[in-house]
Amino acid sequence: MPQNKRNEMKAIWGQVLSETPLKHKPYHSDDELKKGQREFMRKAKRFVKDCILIITGIFSAAFGFKGFLLTNHFIDGGATGISLLISALTDIPLYVLIIAVNIPFIILAYNVIGKNFALKTTLAISGLALCLATVSFPDVTKDNLLVAVFGGFFLGAGIGLAIRGGAVIDGTEVLAIYLSRKLGATVGDIIIVINVFIFSAAAYFLSIETALYSMITYLAASKTLDFIIEGLEEYTGVTIVSPHSNELRKMITNKLGMGVTIYNGRRGYITNNESHNVDIIYTVVTRLELSKLTSEIEKIDSNAFVVMTSIKDTKGGMIKKRALKH
């Protein structure tokens, strides 16, 4: 083939190849790339936050164990209580018992809740056992009441922080969830029954006095756990039904600076065979703002129908934004 013909064919094939898109390199728009980056950053921040919460929870629970409960042989409820009770009766180290007692609950968590939760729980419990085995904590006090209260406080805070991070370091609640589905009872009732057996065993094998102090530990731990899980602030959902809904809406948004949601409803109490449409206002306030809100409602419509419900925690919306402004 002449040289000029060969050069012409190379030029043609080069142009064809340059215009043919490669299948293994799909095109992504700038919006798709930015969306992927945002999603990656969101997951990375969530992962770091969960790790910090779980690690903090591990050290808090370990401090509650070694700084307070172990020296006085006080126990807690649940799997940690079983571990502490066996540790008080035998020479088996607590860090070994923490893993051994929770293994059945981890397997149950894998089947009942999911693989990711079971993996996080395994790492959290292993971290707690490692912390108990390697980290030294001071023996804070010998006073029984202080040991019961503050031991329960640090233990409950540790369990609550771990749950905030998406794991548990006490697998009793997993068992309670499973049994509640099988038996039709509530999770709270099952946990109470489990703890009755644990504290009865403590009274029999240790002493009644130790069992009573252990109940104080359990109460302190459970109250601290509730405080950590439900949030630092207490919120109230307020539903308002009134013919002056527009005035109330303006008062809540403009004067109080709160967010509202409007529902379209109809009055159920019918007079003269007529049912009237009504706008239903719903807003969420903190307990400190509740008194001010009810006072302002009274000024506009003293006969307004107001329903208040407790809310454990909130996310997003104007509640958090307003807190940041102040």
Protein backbone atom coordinates (compact mmCIF):
# COMPACT_ATOMS: atom_id res chain seq x y z
CA MET A 1 0.00 0.00 0.00
CA PRO A 2 1.43 3.43 -0.92
CA GLN A 3 2.62 5.61 1.93
CA ASN A 4 0.09 8.36 1.28
CA LYS A 5 -2.79 5.83 1.28
CA ARG A 6 -1.54 4.34 4.53
CA ASN A 7 -1.42 7.77 6.16
CA GLU A 8 -4.94 8.52 4.97
CA MET A 9 -6.30 5.28 6.52
CA LYS A 10 -4.56 6.05 9.84
CA ALA A 11 -6.13 9.48 9.89
CA ILE A 12 -9.61 8.05 9.23
CA TRP A 13 -9.30 5.38 11.97
CA GLY A 14 -7.87 7.89 14.41
CA GLN A 15 -10.88 10.15 13.89
CA VAL A 16 -13.32 7.24 14.32
CA LEU A 17 -11.65 6.08 17.55
CA SER A 18 -11.54 9.58 19.00
CA GLU A 19 -15.27 10.06 18.41
CA THR A 20 -16.28 6.66 19.86
CA PRO A 21 -17.08 6.91 23.61
CA LEU A 22 -15.45 4.37 25.88
CA LYS A 23 -18.05 2.10 27.47
CA HIS A 24 -16.08 1.57 30.66
CA LYS A 25 -15.91 5.34 31.35
CA PRO A 26 -19.50 6.57 31.59
CA TYR A 27 -20.05 10.31 31.56
CA HIS A 28 -21.18 11.98 34.79
CA SER A 29 -22.59 15.47 34.86
CA ASP A 30 -21.32 18.09 37.29
CA ASP A 31 -24.59 17.85 39.26
CA GLU A 32 -24.19 14.08 39.64
CA LEU A 33 -20.59 14.48 40.80
CA LYS A 34 -21.55 17.15 43.33
CA LYS A 35 -24.42 15.01 44.57
CA GLY A 36 -22.07 12.06 45.00
CA GLN A 37 -19.58 14.21 46.88
CA ARG A 38 -22.29 15.53 49.20
CA GLU A 39 -23.51 11.99 49.89
CA PHE A 40 -19.97 10.83 50.61
CA MET A 41 -19.35 13.74 53.00
CA ARG A 42 -22.68 13.09 54.74
CA LYS A 43 -21.82 9.42 55.30
CA ALA A 44 -18.28 10.27 56.40
CA LYS A 45 -19.51 12.81 58.96
CA ARG A 46 -22.10 10.34 60.24
CA PHE A 47 -19.46 7.61 60.54
CA VAL A 48 -17.07 9.88 62.48
CA LYS A 49 -19.90 11.05 64.75
CA ASP A 50 -20.98 7.46 65.48
CA CYS A 51 -17.40 6.44 66.27
CA ILE A 52 -16.94 9.34 68.68
CA LEU A 53 -20.23 8.56 70.46
CA ILE A 54 -19.46 4.84 70.77
CA ILE A 55 -15.87 5.39 72.00
CA THR A 56 -17.04 7.99 74.55
CA GLY A 57 -19.77 5.57 75.68
CA ILE A 58 -17.22 2.78 76.11
CA PHE A 59 -14.96 4.87 78.36
CA SER A 60 -17.93 6.18 80.37
CA ALA A 61 -19.28 2.67 81.00
CA ALA A 62 -15.80 1.35 81.85
CA PHE A 63 -15.34 4.19 84.36
CA GLY A 64 -18.69 3.33 85.93
CA PHE A 65 -17.62 -0.31 86.24
CA LYS A 66 -14.05 0.05 87.54
CA GLY A 67 -14.34 3.39 89.31
CA PHE A 68 -17.49 2.52 91.28
CA LEU A 69 -19.35 -0.77 90.90
CA LEU A 70 -16.72 -3.50 90.90
CA THR A 71 -15.13 -2.74 94.27
CA ASN A 72 -18.50 -2.77 96.05
CA HIS A 73 -19.93 -5.71 94.08
CA PHE A 74 -22.96 -3.68 93.02
CA ILE A 75 -24.73 -4.78 89.85
CA ASP A 76 -27.00 -3.31 87.22
CA GLY A 77 -29.87 -4.75 85.23
CA GLY A 78 -29.63 -6.56 81.92
CA ALA A 79 -26.57 -8.25 80.44
CA THR A 80 -24.20 -5.98 82.35
CA GLY A 81 -25.93 -6.98 85.58
CA ILE A 82 -25.52 -10.68 84.76
CA SER A 83 -21.83 -10.09 83.99
CA LEU A 84 -21.29 -8.18 87.25
CA LEU A 85 -23.13 -10.83 89.27
CA ILE A 86 -21.06 -13.70 87.85
CA SER A 87 -17.89 -11.64 88.33
CA ALA A 88 -18.77 -11.08 92.00
CA LEU A 89 -19.39 -14.82 92.55
CA THR A 90 -16.41 -16.18 90.57
CA ASP A 91 -12.85 -15.28 89.65
CA ILE A 92 -13.70 -14.77 85.98
CA PRO A 93 -12.62 -11.27 84.82
CA LEU A 94 -15.41 -8.89 83.90
CA TYR A 95 -14.01 -8.19 80.43
CA VAL A 96 -14.34 -11.89 79.58
CA LEU A 97 -17.89 -12.06 80.91
CA ILE A 98 -18.96 -8.91 79.02
CA ILE A 99 -18.16 -10.68 75.74
CA ALA A 100 -19.39 -14.14 76.74
CA VAL A 101 -22.77 -12.99 78.10
CA ASN A 102 -23.46 -10.75 75.09
CA ILE A 103 -22.59 -13.30 72.35
CA PRO A 104 -26.15 -14.76 72.24
CA PHE A 105 -27.60 -11.23 72.06
CA ILE A 106 -25.27 -10.31 69.19
CA ILE A 107 -26.41 -13.38 67.23
CA LEU A 108 -30.01 -12.46 67.99
CA ALA A 109 -29.37 -8.86 66.89
CA TYR A 110 -28.04 -10.14 63.55
CA ASN A 111 -31.28 -12.07 62.94
CA VAL A 112 -33.75 -9.56 64.39
CA ILE A 113 -32.33 -6.14 63.53
CA GLY A 114 -29.66 -6.51 60.87
CA LYS A 115 -26.03 -7.12 59.93
CA ASN A 116 -24.79 -3.53 60.31
CA PHE A 117 -26.25 -3.18 63.80
CA ALA A 118 -24.80 -6.54 64.87
CA LEU A 119 -21.36 -5.56 63.53
CA LYS A 120 -21.40 -2.21 65.35
CA THR A 121 -22.55 -3.92 68.54
CA THR A 122 -19.77 -6.52 68.26
CA LEU A 123 -17.15 -3.80 67.89
CA ALA A 124 -18.64 -1.76 70.76
CA ILE A 125 -18.75 -4.70 73.19
CA SER A 126 -15.24 -5.78 72.16
CA GLY A 127 -14.05 -2.21 72.71
CA LEU A 128 -15.61 -2.15 76.17
CA ALA A 129 -13.95 -5.46 77.07
CA LEU A 130 -10.59 -4.17 75.80
CA CYS A 131 -10.98 -0.95 77.79
CA LEU A 132 -11.81 -2.90 80.95
CA ALA A 133 -8.79 -5.15 80.44
CA THR A 134 -6.18 -2.47 79.66
CA VAL A 135 -7.24 0.92 81.08
CA SER A 136 -6.85 1.74 84.77
CA PHE A 137 -9.42 3.91 86.53
CA PRO A 138 -9.20 5.34 90.06
CA ASP A 139 -11.35 3.87 92.82
CA VAL A 140 -13.39 7.01 93.44
CA THR A 141 -15.28 6.37 96.68
CA LYS A 142 -16.28 3.70 99.18
CA ASP A 143 -19.59 5.31 100.14
CA ASN A 144 -22.32 2.86 99.11
CA LEU A 145 -24.88 5.48 98.13
CA LEU A 146 -22.40 7.47 96.01
CA VAL A 147 -21.21 4.26 94.36
CA ALA A 148 -24.77 3.24 93.50
CA VAL A 149 -25.81 6.66 92.13
CA PHE A 150 -22.69 7.67 90.22
CA GLY A 151 -21.83 4.16 89.08
CA GLY A 152 -25.31 3.96 87.56
CA PHE A 153 -24.93 7.45 86.10
CA PHE A 154 -21.70 6.72 84.20
CA LEU A 155 -22.89 3.27 83.13
CA GLY A 156 -26.22 4.63 81.86
CA ALA A 157 -24.46 7.46 80.04
CA GLY A 158 -22.14 4.97 78.36
CA ILE A 159 -25.00 2.75 77.19
CA GLY A 160 -26.96 5.78 75.98
CA LEU A 161 -24.04 7.26 74.02
CA ALA A 162 -23.40 3.88 72.37
CA ILE A 163 -27.05 3.66 71.35
CA ARG A 164 -26.81 7.20 69.93
CA GLY A 165 -23.92 5.89 67.84
CA GLY A 166 -25.98 3.00 66.49
CA ALA A 167 -24.78 0.16 68.72
CA VAL A 168 -25.44 -1.34 72.15
CA ILE A 169 -23.09 -2.50 74.88
CA ASP A 170 -25.91 -4.28 76.72
CA GLY A 171 -27.83 -6.75 74.58
CA THR A 172 -30.87 -7.20 76.85
CA GLU A 173 -33.02 -4.84 74.80
CA VAL A 174 -32.43 -6.96 71.69
CA LEU A 175 -33.85 -9.96 73.58
CA ALA A 176 -36.75 -7.83 74.82
CA ILE A 177 -37.58 -6.74 71.24
CA TYR A 178 -37.51 -10.35 70.05
CA LEU A 179 -39.69 -11.64 72.91
CA SER A 180 -42.16 -8.76 72.52
CA ARG A 181 -42.79 -9.84 68.93
CA LYS A 182 -43.25 -13.46 69.98
CA LEU A 183 -45.31 -12.93 73.14
CA GLY A 184 -47.18 -9.73 72.33
CA ALA A 185 -45.94 -8.01 75.51
CA THR A 186 -44.26 -4.61 75.59
CA VAL A 187 -40.48 -4.22 75.58
CA GLY A 188 -40.60 -2.41 78.94
CA ASP A 189 -42.57 -5.22 80.60
CA ILE A 190 -40.09 -7.86 79.41
CA ILE A 191 -37.09 -5.85 80.63
CA ILE A 192 -38.75 -5.49 84.05
CA VAL A 193 -39.32 -9.26 84.28
CA ILE A 194 -35.68 -9.97 83.31
CA ASN A 195 -34.39 -7.53 85.91
CA VAL A 196 -36.62 -8.98 88.63
CA PHE A 197 -34.84 -12.33 88.17
CA ILE A 198 -31.41 -10.64 88.16
CA PHE A 199 -31.99 -8.65 91.36
CA SER A 200 -33.60 -11.66 93.06
CA ALA A 201 -30.46 -13.65 92.28
CA ALA A 202 -28.35 -10.79 93.67
CA ALA A 203 -30.35 -10.81 96.91
CA TYR A 204 -29.91 -14.58 97.22
CA PHE A 205 -26.22 -14.94 96.29
CA LEU A 206 -24.86 -11.61 97.59
CA SER A 207 -27.13 -9.93 100.16
CA ILE A 208 -30.42 -8.08 100.34
CA GLU A 209 -28.57 -4.83 101.10
CA THR A 210 -26.41 -5.22 97.99
CA ALA A 211 -29.49 -5.98 95.90
CA LEU A 212 -31.23 -2.83 97.18
CA TYR A 213 -28.21 -0.66 96.39
CA SER A 214 -28.06 -2.35 92.99
CA MET A 215 -31.65 -1.30 92.34
CA ILE A 216 -30.57 2.30 92.98
CA THR A 217 -27.77 1.75 90.46
CA TYR A 218 -30.28 0.46 87.93
CA LEU A 219 -32.63 3.41 88.47
CA ALA A 220 -29.76 5.91 88.08
CA ALA A 221 -28.56 4.14 84.94
CA SER A 222 -32.02 3.93 83.36
CA LYS A 223 -32.81 7.60 84.05
CA THR A 224 -29.46 8.70 82.61
CA LEU A 225 -30.04 6.44 79.61
CA ASP A 226 -33.45 8.02 78.99
CA PHE A 227 -31.92 11.48 79.30
CA ILE A 228 -29.21 10.69 76.73
CA ILE A 229 -31.55 8.97 74.26
CA GLU A 230 -34.46 11.40 74.43
CA GLY A 231 -32.28 14.47 74.03
CA LEU A 232 -31.11 17.32 76.20
CA GLU A 233 -34.24 19.36 75.57
CA GLU A 234 -37.85 18.42 76.15
CA TYR A 235 -40.24 19.28 73.36
CA THR A 236 -44.01 19.56 73.26
CA GLY A 237 -46.18 19.24 70.17
CA VAL A 238 -49.10 21.67 70.30
CA THR A 239 -52.23 21.23 68.15
CA ILE A 240 -54.61 24.21 68.02
CA VAL A 241 -58.16 24.18 66.62
CA SER A 242 -59.73 27.63 66.44
CA PRO A 243 -61.81 29.79 64.04
CA HIS A 244 -59.05 32.41 64.47
CA SER A 245 -56.42 30.14 62.93
CA ASN A 246 -54.99 32.85 60.65
CA GLU A 247 -54.39 35.22 63.56
CA LEU A 248 -52.85 32.42 65.59
CA ARG A 249 -50.58 31.45 62.70
CA LYS A 250 -49.32 35.03 62.34
CA MET A 251 -48.75 35.28 66.08
CA ILE A 252 -46.74 32.04 66.23
CA THR A 253 -44.59 32.78 63.17
CA ASN A 254 -44.14 36.55 63.46
CA LYS A 255 -44.26 37.27 67.19
CA LEU A 256 -42.81 34.07 68.63
CA GLY A 257 -40.62 33.11 65.65
CA MET A 258 -41.77 29.47 65.60
CA GLY A 259 -42.55 27.21 62.68
CA VAL A 260 -46.08 25.95 62.08
CA THR A 261 -47.82 23.35 59.96
CA ILE A 262 -51.41 23.88 58.81
CA TYR A 263 -53.79 20.94 58.37
CA ASN A 264 -57.13 21.16 56.59
CA GLY A 265 -59.87 19.68 58.77
CA ARG A 266 -63.60 19.61 59.36
CA ARG A 267 -65.41 20.05 62.64
CA GLY A 268 -66.96 16.82 63.86
CA TYR A 269 -69.61 18.54 65.99
CA ILE A 270 -72.38 19.38 63.52
CA THR A 271 -75.04 22.09 64.11
CA ASN A 272 -77.96 22.78 61.76
CA ASN A 273 -76.82 19.87 59.57
CA GLU A 274 -73.69 21.80 58.56
CA SER A 275 -70.08 20.82 58.99
CA HIS A 276 -67.56 23.66 58.86
CA ASN A 277 -64.02 23.49 57.48
CA VAL A 278 -61.29 24.55 59.86
CA ASP A 279 -57.51 25.06 59.67
CA ILE A 280 -55.67 23.05 62.32
CA ILE A 281 -52.35 24.50 63.50
CA TYR A 282 -49.51 22.29 64.68
CA THR A 283 -46.25 23.57 66.18
CA VAL A 284 -43.41 22.21 68.32
CA VAL A 285 -41.98 24.22 71.23
CA THR A 286 -39.59 23.66 74.09
CA ARG A 287 -40.94 23.43 77.63
CA LEU A 288 -39.60 26.92 78.35
CA GLU A 289 -41.59 28.40 75.47
CA LEU A 290 -44.83 26.55 76.24
CA SER A 291 -46.08 29.01 78.85
CA LYS A 292 -45.55 31.97 76.55
CA LEU A 293 -47.35 30.22 73.68
CA THR A 294 -50.41 29.35 75.79
CA SER A 295 -50.55 32.91 77.10
CA GLU A 296 -50.59 34.33 73.57
CA ILE A 297 -53.28 31.84 72.49
CA GLU A 298 -55.46 33.01 75.38
CA LYS A 299 -55.20 36.61 74.17
CA ILE A 300 -56.49 35.72 70.69
CA ASP A 301 -59.00 32.95 71.46
CA SER A 302 -59.62 31.86 75.03
CA ASN A 303 -61.93 29.08 73.78
CA ALA A 304 -59.40 27.53 71.39
CA PHE A 305 -59.10 23.75 71.58
CA VAL A 306 -55.44 23.02 72.41
CA VAL A 307 -53.87 19.55 72.63
CA MET A 308 -50.31 19.09 73.96
CA THR A 309 -48.24 15.96 73.49
CA SER A 310 -44.72 15.10 74.69
CA ILE A 311 -42.02 14.63 72.04
CA LYS A 312 -38.79 12.82 72.79
CA ASP A 313 -36.61 14.63 70.26
CA THR A 314 -36.75 16.65 67.03
CA LYS A 315 -34.55 17.01 63.98
CA GLY A 316 -34.35 19.91 61.54
CA GLY A 317 -37.03 22.55 61.09
CA MET A 318 -37.13 25.89 62.87
CA ILE A 319 -36.59 24.41 66.36
CA LYS A 320 -32.87 23.86 65.82
CA LYS A 321 -32.42 26.97 63.68
CA ARG A 322 -33.92 29.21 66.32
CA ALA A 323 -31.68 27.69 68.98
CA LEU A 324 -28.61 28.45 66.86
CA LYS A 325 -29.63 32.10 66.39
CA HIS A 326 -29.93 32.68 70.12
